Amino acid sequence: MPATRAHVYVHGRVQGVFFRATTRDKAIALGVKGWVKNCLDGCVEAVFEGEKDIVEKIVNWCKKGPEGAFVNHIDVHWEKCSGEFDEFSVIY
């Protein structure tokens, strides 16, 4: 299956609930590359790259997030895979 990229913004109560750490753990377990970070406006932003079906899995997981999170909505922008990432990381 071809590789793809999803640029995601997750809105709601998503900071202070281990959203970034759990996203990193899920991405590594799935073999997804990219990054996740908190934004000043209170949302979480992430870029996921990998096989389309696997990226879709983590995007769907972001719709709920970890225990303690309350996701109002997510914005997903599907893009061409750049292949620029060697791993998945948290940006602080």
PDB file of N, CA and C in Angstrom:
ATOM      1  N   MET A   1       0.854  -1.178   0.000  1.00  0.00           N
ATOM      2  CA  MET A   1       0.000   0.000   0.000  1.00  0.00           C
ATOM      3  C   MET A   1       0.899   1.241   0.000  1.00  0.00           C
ATOM      4  N   PRO A   2       0.541   2.279  -0.749  1.00  0.00           N
ATOM      5  CA  PRO A   2       1.387   3.464  -0.837  1.00  0.00           C
ATOM      6  C   PRO A   2       1.431   4.243   0.481  1.00  0.00           C
ATOM      7  N   ALA A   3       2.530   4.948   0.665  1.00  0.00           N
ATOM      8  CA  ALA A   3       2.686   5.775   1.860  1.00  0.00           C
ATOM      9  C   ALA A   3       1.912   7.076   1.694  1.00  0.00           C
ATOM     10  N   THR A   4       1.492   7.642   2.820  1.00  0.00           N
ATOM     11  CA  THR A   4       0.762   8.897   2.822  1.00  0.00           C
ATOM     12  C   THR A   4       1.176   9.711   4.032  1.00  0.00           C
ATOM     13  N   ARG A   5       0.670  10.929   4.077  1.00  0.00           N
ATOM     14  CA  ARG A   5       0.964  11.845   5.186  1.00  0.00           C
ATOM     15  C   ARG A   5      -0.335  12.482   5.635  1.00  0.00           C
ATOM     16  N   ALA A   6      -0.549  12.524   6.941  1.00  0.00           N
ATOM     17  CA  ALA A   6      -1.699  13.222   7.516  1.00  0.00           C
ATOM     18  C   ALA A   6      -1.176  14.302   8.453  1.00  0.00           C
ATOM     19  N   HIS A   7      -1.617  15.527   8.224  1.00  0.00           N
ATOM     20  CA  HIS A   7      -1.297  16.648   9.115  1.00  0.00           C
ATOM     21  C   HIS A   7      -2.568  16.908   9.910  1.00  0.00           C
ATOM     22  N   VAL A   8      -2.488  16.711  11.223  1.00  0.00           N
ATOM     23  CA  VAL A   8      -3.681  16.654  12.067  1.00  0.00           C
ATOM     24  C   VAL A   8      -3.628  17.727  13.152  1.00  0.00           C
ATOM     25  N   TYR A   9      -4.776  18.357  13.394  1.00  0.00           N
ATOM     26  CA  TYR A   9      -4.961  19.276  14.516  1.00  0.00           C
ATOM     27  C   TYR A   9      -6.096  18.716  15.356  1.00  0.00           C
ATOM     28  N   VAL A  10      -5.823  18.448  16.631  1.00  0.00           N
ATOM     29  CA  VAL A  10      -6.808  17.848  17.532  1.00  0.00           C
ATOM     30  C   VAL A  10      -7.245  18.921  18.525  1.00  0.00           C
ATOM     31  N   HIS A  11      -8.557  19.183  18.576  1.00  0.00           N
ATOM     32  CA  HIS A  11      -9.111  20.247  19.413  1.00  0.00           C
ATOM     33  C   HIS A  11      -9.940  19.658  20.547  1.00  0.00           C
ATOM     34  N   GLY A  12      -9.923  20.330  21.681  1.00  0.00           N
ATOM     35  CA  GLY A  12     -10.679  19.895  22.852  1.00  0.00           C
ATOM     36  C   GLY A  12      -9.783  19.941  24.077  1.00  0.00           C
ATOM     37  N   ARG A  13     -10.099  19.105  25.068  1.00  0.00           N
ATOM     38  CA  ARG A  13      -9.233  18.984  26.247  1.00  0.00           C
ATOM     39  C   ARG A  13      -8.181  17.944  25.909  1.00  0.00           C
ATOM     40  N   VAL A  14      -7.108  18.402  25.282  1.00  0.00           N
ATOM     41  CA  VAL A  14      -6.096  17.484  24.751  1.00  0.00           C
ATOM     42  C   VAL A  14      -4.687  17.801  25.257  1.00  0.00           C
ATOM     43  N   GLN A  15      -4.565  18.804  26.099  1.00  0.00           N
ATOM     44  CA  GLN A  15      -3.265  19.092  26.715  1.00  0.00           C
ATOM     45  C   GLN A  15      -3.366  18.795  28.206  1.00  0.00           C
ATOM     46  N   GLY A  16      -2.284  18.282  28.775  1.00  0.00           N
ATOM     47  CA  GLY A  16      -2.280  17.924  30.188  1.00  0.00           C
ATOM     48  C   GLY A  16      -2.913  16.577  30.468  1.00  0.00           C
ATOM     49  N   VAL A  17      -3.124  15.779  29.414  1.00  0.00           N
ATOM     50  CA  VAL A  17      -3.749  14.450  29.560  1.00  0.00           C
ATOM     51  C   VAL A  17      -2.886  13.368  28.911  1.00  0.00           C
ATOM     52  N   PHE A  18      -1.612  13.665  28.720  1.00  0.00           N
ATOM     53  CA  PHE A  18      -0.646  12.730  28.118  1.00  0.00           C
ATOM     54  C   PHE A  18      -0.972  12.386  26.665  1.00  0.00           C
ATOM     55  N   PHE A  19      -1.614  13.331  25.959  1.00  0.00           N
ATOM     56  CA  PHE A  19      -1.963  13.088  24.559  1.00  0.00           C
ATOM     57  C   PHE A  19      -0.705  12.890  23.714  1.00  0.00           C
ATOM     58  N   ARG A  20       0.285  13.761  23.888  1.00  0.00           N
ATOM     59  CA  ARG A  20       1.513  13.649  23.088  1.00  0.00           C
ATOM     60  C   ARG A  20       2.250  12.347  23.359  1.00  0.00           C
ATOM     61  N   ALA A  21       2.431  12.018  24.631  1.00  0.00           N
ATOM     62  CA  ALA A  21       3.171  10.800  24.989  1.00  0.00           C
ATOM     63  C   ALA A  21       2.460   9.552  24.487  1.00  0.00           C
ATOM     64  N   THR A  22       1.148   9.523  24.630  1.00  0.00           N
ATOM     65  CA  THR A  22       0.388   8.357  24.175  1.00  0.00           C
ATOM     66  C   THR A  22       0.385   8.274  22.658  1.00  0.00           C
ATOM     67  N   THR A  23       0.300   9.414  21.991  1.00  0.00           N
ATOM     68  CA  THR A  23       0.367   9.433  20.528  1.00  0.00           C
ATOM     69  C   THR A  23       1.709   8.890  20.059  1.00  0.00           C
ATOM     70  N   ARG A  24       2.791   9.329  20.715  1.00  0.00           N
ATOM     71  CA  ARG A  24       4.126   8.822  20.372  1.00  0.00           C
ATOM     72  C   ARG A  24       4.188   7.303  20.542  1.00  0.00           C
ATOM     73  N   ASP A  25       3.688   6.795  21.651  1.00  0.00           N
ATOM     74  CA  ASP A  25       3.717   5.349  21.901  1.00  0.00           C
ATOM     75  C   ASP A  25       2.920   4.587  20.847  1.00  0.00           C
ATOM     76  N   LYS A  26       1.728   5.094  20.500  1.00  0.00           N
ATOM     77  CA  LYS A  26       0.893   4.450  19.469  1.00  0.00           C
ATOM     78  C   LYS A  26       1.596   4.477  18.116  1.00  0.00           C
ATOM     79  N   ALA A  27       2.165   5.624  17.766  1.00  0.00           N
ATOM     80  CA  ALA A  27       2.837   5.763  16.470  1.00  0.00           C
ATOM     81  C   ALA A  27       4.017   4.806  16.361  1.00  0.00           C
ATOM     82  N   ILE A  28       4.821   4.729  17.409  1.00  0.00           N
ATOM     83  CA  ILE A  28       5.977   3.826  17.392  1.00  0.00           C
ATOM     84  C   ILE A  28       5.518   2.380  17.272  1.00  0.00           C
ATOM     85  N   ALA A  29       4.480   2.013  18.013  1.00  0.00           N
ATOM     86  CA  ALA A  29       3.961   0.639  17.954  1.00  0.00           C
ATOM     87  C   ALA A  29       3.450   0.288  16.561  1.00  0.00           C
ATOM     88  N   LEU A  30       2.879   1.273  15.858  1.00  0.00           N
ATOM     89  CA  LEU A  30       2.332   1.043  14.517  1.00  0.00           C
ATOM     90  C   LEU A  30       3.381   1.193  13.413  1.00  0.00           C
ATOM     91  N   GLY A  31       4.531   1.770  13.738  1.00  0.00           N
ATOM     92  CA  GLY A  31       5.558   2.002  12.725  1.00  0.00           C
ATOM     93  C   GLY A  31       5.357   3.285  11.946  1.00  0.00           C
ATOM     94  N   VAL A  32       4.628   4.229  12.536  1.00  0.00           N
ATOM     95  CA  VAL A  32       4.368   5.520  11.901  1.00  0.00           C
ATOM     96  C   VAL A  32       5.513   6.476  12.242  1.00  0.00           C
ATOM     97  N   LYS A  33       5.894   7.306  11.298  1.00  0.00           N
ATOM     98  CA  LYS A  33       6.943   8.313  11.482  1.00  0.00           C
ATOM     99  C   LYS A  33       6.307   9.697  11.543  1.00  0.00           C
ATOM    100  N   GLY A  34       7.030  10.657  12.146  1.00  0.00           N
ATOM    101  CA  GLY A  34       6.538  12.028  12.194  1.00  0.00           C
ATOM    102  C   GLY A  34       6.772  12.670  13.538  1.00  0.00           C
ATOM    103  N   TRP A  35       5.829  13.509  13.971  1.00  0.00           N
ATOM    104  CA  TRP A  35       5.969  14.229  15.234  1.00  0.00           C
ATOM    105  C   TRP A  35       4.614  14.653  15.775  1.00  0.00           C
ATOM    106  N   VAL A  36       4.612  15.055  17.056  1.00  0.00           N
ATOM    107  CA  VAL A  36       3.426  15.590  17.718  1.00  0.00           C
ATOM    108  C   VAL A  36       3.874  16.709  18.644  1.00  0.00           C
ATOM    109  N   LYS A  37       3.045  17.754  18.778  1.00  0.00           N
ATOM    110  CA  LYS A  37       3.386  18.862  19.674  1.00  0.00           C
ATOM    111  C   LYS A  37       2.126  19.560  20.163  1.00  0.00           C
ATOM    112  N   ASN A  38       2.261  20.251  21.304  1.00  0.00           N
ATOM    113  CA  ASN A  38       1.204  21.120  21.798  1.00  0.00           C
ATOM    114  C   ASN A  38       1.294  22.452  21.073  1.00  0.00           C
ATOM    115  N   CYS A  39       0.148  23.069  20.836  1.00  0.00           N
ATOM    116  CA  CYS A  39       0.097  24.393  20.223  1.00  0.00           C
ATOM    117  C   CYS A  39      -0.343  25.417  21.264  1.00  0.00           C
ATOM    118  N   LEU A  40       0.016  26.660  21.052  1.00  0.00           N
ATOM    119  CA  LEU A  40      -0.321  27.723  21.991  1.00  0.00           C
ATOM    120  C   LEU A  40      -1.826  27.917  22.146  1.00  0.00           C
ATOM    121  N   ASP A  41      -2.610  27.573  21.120  1.00  0.00           N
ATOM    122  CA  ASP A  41      -4.061  27.756  21.195  1.00  0.00           C
ATOM    123  C   ASP A  41      -4.760  26.623  21.937  1.00  0.00           C
ATOM    124  N   GLY A  42      -4.000  25.654  22.476  1.00  0.00           N
ATOM    125  CA  GLY A  42      -4.588  24.568  23.258  1.00  0.00           C
ATOM    126  C   GLY A  42      -4.822  23.287  22.501  1.00  0.00           C
ATOM    127  N   CYS A  43      -4.594  23.287  21.198  1.00  0.00           N
ATOM    128  CA  CYS A  43      -4.776  22.055  20.428  1.00  0.00           C
ATOM    129  C   CYS A  43      -3.475  21.265  20.390  1.00  0.00           C
ATOM    130  N   VAL A  44      -3.547  20.068  19.862  1.00  0.00           N
ATOM    131  CA  VAL A  44      -2.370  19.244  19.610  1.00  0.00           C
ATOM    132  C   VAL A  44      -2.241  19.101  18.100  1.00  0.00           C
ATOM    133  N   GLU A  45      -1.034  19.310  17.597  1.00  0.00           N
ATOM    134  CA  GLU A  45      -0.746  19.184  16.164  1.00  0.00           C
ATOM    135  C   GLU A  45       0.159  17.980  15.962  1.00  0.00           C
ATOM    136  N   ALA A  46      -0.096  17.220  14.912  1.00  0.00           N
ATOM    137  CA  ALA A  46       0.745  16.057  14.619  1.00  0.00           C
ATOM    138  C   ALA A  46       0.871  15.864  13.119  1.00  0.00           C
ATOM    139  N   VAL A  47       1.993  15.277  12.729  1.00  0.00           N
ATOM    140  CA  VAL A  47       2.207  14.837  11.355  1.00  0.00           C
ATOM    141  C   VAL A  47       2.530  13.356  11.415  1.00  0.00           C
ATOM    142  N   PHE A  48       1.761  12.572  10.658  1.00  0.00           N
ATOM    143  CA  PHE A  48       1.954  11.127  10.601  1.00  0.00           C
ATOM    144  C   PHE A  48       2.298  10.724   9.178  1.00  0.00           C
ATOM    145  N   GLU A  49       3.338   9.917   9.005  1.00  0.00           N
ATOM    146  CA  GLU A  49       3.685   9.366   7.696  1.00  0.00           C
ATOM    147  C   GLU A  49       3.843   7.859   7.803  1.00  0.00           C
ATOM    148  N   GLY A  50       3.358   7.180   6.785  1.00  0.00           N
ATOM    149  CA  GLY A  50       3.482   5.728   6.734  1.00  0.00           C
ATOM    150  C   GLY A  50       2.495   5.144   5.748  1.00  0.00           C
ATOM    151  N   GLU A  51       2.322   3.832   5.817  1.00  0.00           N
ATOM    152  CA  GLU A  51       1.350   3.154   4.959  1.00  0.00           C
ATOM    153  C   GLU A  51      -0.040   3.719   5.247  1.00  0.00           C
ATOM    154  N   LYS A  52      -0.823   3.920   4.202  1.00  0.00           N
ATOM    155  CA  LYS A  52      -2.116   4.599   4.326  1.00  0.00           C
ATOM    156  C   LYS A  52      -3.017   3.970   5.381  1.00  0.00           C
ATOM    157  N   ASP A  53      -3.135   2.643   5.395  1.00  0.00           N
ATOM    158  CA  ASP A  53      -4.034   2.003   6.359  1.00  0.00           C
ATOM    159  C   ASP A  53      -3.562   2.198   7.796  1.00  0.00           C
ATOM    160  N   ILE A  54      -2.259   2.239   8.012  1.00  0.00           N
ATOM    161  CA  ILE A  54      -1.718   2.442   9.353  1.00  0.00           C
ATOM    162  C   ILE A  54      -1.895   3.900   9.790  1.00  0.00           C
ATOM    163  N   VAL A  55      -1.660   4.834   8.879  1.00  0.00           N
ATOM    164  CA  VAL A  55      -1.864   6.251   9.195  1.00  0.00           C
ATOM    165  C   VAL A  55      -3.338   6.497   9.505  1.00  0.00           C
ATOM    166  N   GLU A  56      -4.237   5.867   8.759  1.00  0.00           N
ATOM    167  CA  GLU A  56      -5.668   6.003   9.044  1.00  0.00           C
ATOM    168  C   GLU A  56      -5.994   5.501  10.447  1.00  0.00           C
ATOM    169  N   LYS A  57      -5.330   4.432  10.899  1.00  0.00           N
ATOM    170  CA  LYS A  57      -5.566   3.901  12.250  1.00  0.00           C
ATOM    171  C   LYS A  57      -5.209   4.926  13.316  1.00  0.00           C
ATOM    172  N   ILE A  58      -4.056   5.564  13.182  1.00  0.00           N
ATOM    173  CA  ILE A  58      -3.670   6.525  14.222  1.00  0.00           C
ATOM    174  C   ILE A  58      -4.503   7.798  14.136  1.00  0.00           C
ATOM    175  N   VAL A  59      -4.902   8.201  12.940  1.00  0.00           N
ATOM    176  CA  VAL A  59      -5.797   9.355  12.806  1.00  0.00           C
ATOM    177  C   VAL A  59      -7.129   9.048  13.486  1.00  0.00           C
ATOM    178  N   ASN A  60      -7.662   7.856  13.276  1.00  0.00           N
ATOM    179  CA  ASN A  60      -8.912   7.476  13.936  1.00  0.00           C
ATOM    180  C   ASN A  60      -8.752   7.427  15.446  1.00  0.00           C
ATOM    181  N   TRP A  61      -7.600   6.962  15.928  1.00  0.00           N
ATOM    182  CA  TRP A  61      -7.348   6.948  17.367  1.00  0.00           C
ATOM    183  C   TRP A  61      -7.365   8.377  17.916  1.00  0.00           C
ATOM    184  N   CYS A  62      -6.844   9.336  17.156  1.00  0.00           N
ATOM    185  CA  CYS A  62      -6.811  10.736  17.601  1.00  0.00           C
ATOM    186  C   CYS A  62      -8.209  11.312  17.811  1.00  0.00           C
ATOM    187  N   LYS A  63      -9.206  10.730  17.191  1.00  0.00           N
ATOM    188  CA  LYS A  63     -10.583  11.214  17.355  1.00  0.00           C
ATOM    189  C   LYS A  63     -11.088  10.998  18.775  1.00  0.00           C
ATOM    190  N   LYS A  64     -10.460  10.079  19.512  1.00  0.00           N
ATOM    191  CA  LYS A  64     -10.815   9.827  20.910  1.00  0.00           C
ATOM    192  C   LYS A  64      -9.669  10.199  21.837  1.00  0.00           C
ATOM    193  N   GLY A  65      -8.453   9.795  21.478  1.00  0.00           N
ATOM    194  CA  GLY A  65      -7.285  10.098  22.291  1.00  0.00           C
ATOM    195  C   GLY A  65      -7.187   9.214  23.516  1.00  0.00           C
ATOM    196  N   PRO A  66      -6.260   9.551  24.413  1.00  0.00           N
ATOM    197  CA  PRO A  66      -6.050   8.746  25.612  1.00  0.00           C
ATOM    198  C   PRO A  66      -7.142   8.995  26.650  1.00  0.00           C
ATOM    199  N   GLU A  67      -7.172   8.139  27.652  1.00  0.00           N
ATOM    200  CA  GLU A  67      -8.102   8.327  28.760  1.00  0.00           C
ATOM    201  C   GLU A  67      -7.838   9.692  29.388  1.00  0.00           C
ATOM    202  N   GLY A  68      -8.889  10.433  29.660  1.00  0.00           N
ATOM    203  CA  GLY A  68      -8.754  11.771  30.226  1.00  0.00           C
ATOM    204  C   GLY A  68      -8.879  12.875  29.199  1.00  0.00           C
ATOM    205  N   ALA A  69      -8.709  12.542  27.936  1.00  0.00           N
ATOM    206  CA  ALA A  69      -8.868  13.542  26.876  1.00  0.00           C
ATOM    207  C   ALA A  69     -10.338  13.664  26.498  1.00  0.00           C
ATOM    208  N   PHE A  70     -10.712  14.837  26.019  1.00  0.00           N
ATOM    209  CA  PHE A  70     -12.035  15.048  25.442  1.00  0.00           C
ATOM    210  C   PHE A  70     -11.822  15.758  24.116  1.00  0.00           C
ATOM    211  N   VAL A  71     -11.967  15.023  23.028  1.00  0.00           N
ATOM    212  CA  VAL A  71     -11.729  15.566  21.693  1.00  0.00           C
ATOM    213  C   VAL A  71     -13.027  16.140  21.147  1.00  0.00           C
ATOM    214  N   ASN A  72     -13.030  17.447  20.874  1.00  0.00           N
ATOM    215  CA  ASN A  72     -14.190  18.092  20.252  1.00  0.00           C
ATOM    216  C   ASN A  72     -14.243  17.770  18.769  1.00  0.00           C
ATOM    217  N   HIS A  73     -13.124  17.953  18.097  1.00  0.00           N
ATOM    218  CA  HIS A  73     -13.031  17.626  16.670  1.00  0.00           C
ATOM    219  C   HIS A  73     -11.567  17.614  16.247  1.00  0.00           C
ATOM    220  N   ILE A  74     -11.329  17.005  15.092  1.00  0.00           N
ATOM    221  CA  ILE A  74      -9.985  17.036  14.524  1.00  0.00           C
ATOM    222  C   ILE A  74     -10.070  17.535  13.086  1.00  0.00           C
ATOM    223  N   ASP A  75      -9.034  18.236  12.687  1.00  0.00           N
ATOM    224  CA  ASP A  75      -8.874  18.660  11.298  1.00  0.00           C
ATOM    225  C   ASP A  75      -7.759  17.810  10.714  1.00  0.00           C
ATOM    226  N   VAL A  76      -8.039  17.156   9.602  1.00  0.00           N
ATOM    227  CA  VAL A  76      -7.048  16.291   8.963  1.00  0.00           C
ATOM    228  C   VAL A  76      -6.794  16.797   7.553  1.00  0.00           C
ATOM    229  N   HIS A  77      -5.536  17.012   7.237  1.00  0.00           N
ATOM    230  CA  HIS A  77      -5.123  17.421   5.899  1.00  0.00           C
ATOM    231  C   HIS A  77      -4.253  16.302   5.332  1.00  0.00           C
ATOM    232  N   TRP A  78      -4.752  15.634   4.301  1.00  0.00           N
ATOM    233  CA  TRP A  78      -4.002  14.544   3.671  1.00  0.00           C
ATOM    234  C   TRP A  78      -3.045  15.139   2.656  1.00  0.00           C
ATOM    235  N   GLU A  79      -1.795  14.728   2.739  1.00  0.00           N
ATOM    236  CA  GLU A  79      -0.748  15.296   1.901  1.00  0.00           C
ATOM    237  C   GLU A  79       0.113  14.183   1.316  1.00  0.00           C
ATOM    238  N   LYS A  80       0.967  14.561   0.399  1.00  0.00           N
ATOM    239  CA  LYS A  80       1.923  13.616  -0.174  1.00  0.00           C
ATOM    240  C   LYS A  80       3.002  13.308   0.863  1.00  0.00           C
ATOM    241  N   CYS A  81       3.349  12.058   0.983  1.00  0.00           N
ATOM    242  CA  CYS A  81       4.384  11.620   1.921  1.00  0.00           C
ATOM    243  C   CYS A  81       5.734  12.205   1.508  1.00  0.00           C
ATOM    244  N   SER A  82       6.440  12.818   2.459  1.00  0.00           N
ATOM    245  CA  SER A  82       7.740  13.420   2.152  1.00  0.00           C
ATOM    246  C   SER A  82       8.898  12.461   2.406  1.00  0.00           C
ATOM    247  N   GLY A  83       8.706  11.498   3.303  1.00  0.00           N
ATOM    248  CA  GLY A  83       9.778  10.574   3.653  1.00  0.00           C
ATOM    249  C   GLY A  83      10.900  11.210   4.449  1.00  0.00           C
ATOM    250  N   GLU A  84      10.644  12.380   5.027  1.00  0.00           N
ATOM    251  CA  GLU A  84      11.697  13.122   5.732  1.00  0.00           C
ATOM    252  C   GLU A  84      11.979  12.624   7.147  1.00  0.00           C
ATOM    253  N   PHE A  85      11.127  11.759   7.687  1.00  0.00           N
ATOM    254  CA  PHE A  85      11.266  11.339   9.081  1.00  0.00           C
ATOM    255  C   PHE A  85      11.874   9.947   9.203  1.00  0.00           C
ATOM    256  N   ASP A  86      12.752   9.791  10.199  1.00  0.00           N
ATOM    257  CA  ASP A  86      13.346   8.493  10.505  1.00  0.00           C
ATOM    258  C   ASP A  86      12.677   7.840  11.708  1.00  0.00           C
ATOM    259  N   GLU A  87      11.906   8.630  12.463  1.00  0.00           N
ATOM    260  CA  GLU A  87      11.284   8.146  13.694  1.00  0.00           C
ATOM    261  C   GLU A  87      10.066   8.998  14.003  1.00  0.00           C
ATOM    262  N   PHE A  88       9.420   8.693  15.129  1.00  0.00           N
ATOM    263  CA  PHE A  88       8.328   9.530  15.610  1.00  0.00           C
ATOM    264  C   PHE A  88       8.798  10.202  16.886  1.00  0.00           C
ATOM    265  N   SER A  89       8.576  11.507  16.988  1.00  0.00           N
ATOM    266  CA  SER A  89       9.071  12.236  18.153  1.00  0.00           C
ATOM    267  C   SER A  89       8.052  13.237  18.674  1.00  0.00           C
ATOM    268  N   VAL A  90       8.258  13.627  19.924  1.00  0.00           N
ATOM    269  CA  VAL A  90       7.486  14.697  20.544  1.00  0.00           C
ATOM    270  C   VAL A  90       8.313  15.966  20.422  1.00  0.00           C
ATOM    271  N   ILE A  91       7.695  17.020  19.922  1.00  0.00           N
ATOM    272  CA  ILE A  91       8.353  18.328  19.845  1.00  0.00           C
ATOM    273  C   ILE A  91       7.908  19.130  21.065  1.00  0.00           C
ATOM    274  N   TYR A  92       8.874  19.633  21.816  1.00  0.00           N
ATOM    275  CA  TYR A  92       8.573  20.417  23.026  1.00  0.00           C
ATOM    276  C   TYR A  92       8.762  21.891  22.769  1.00  0.00           C
TER     277      TYR A  92
END
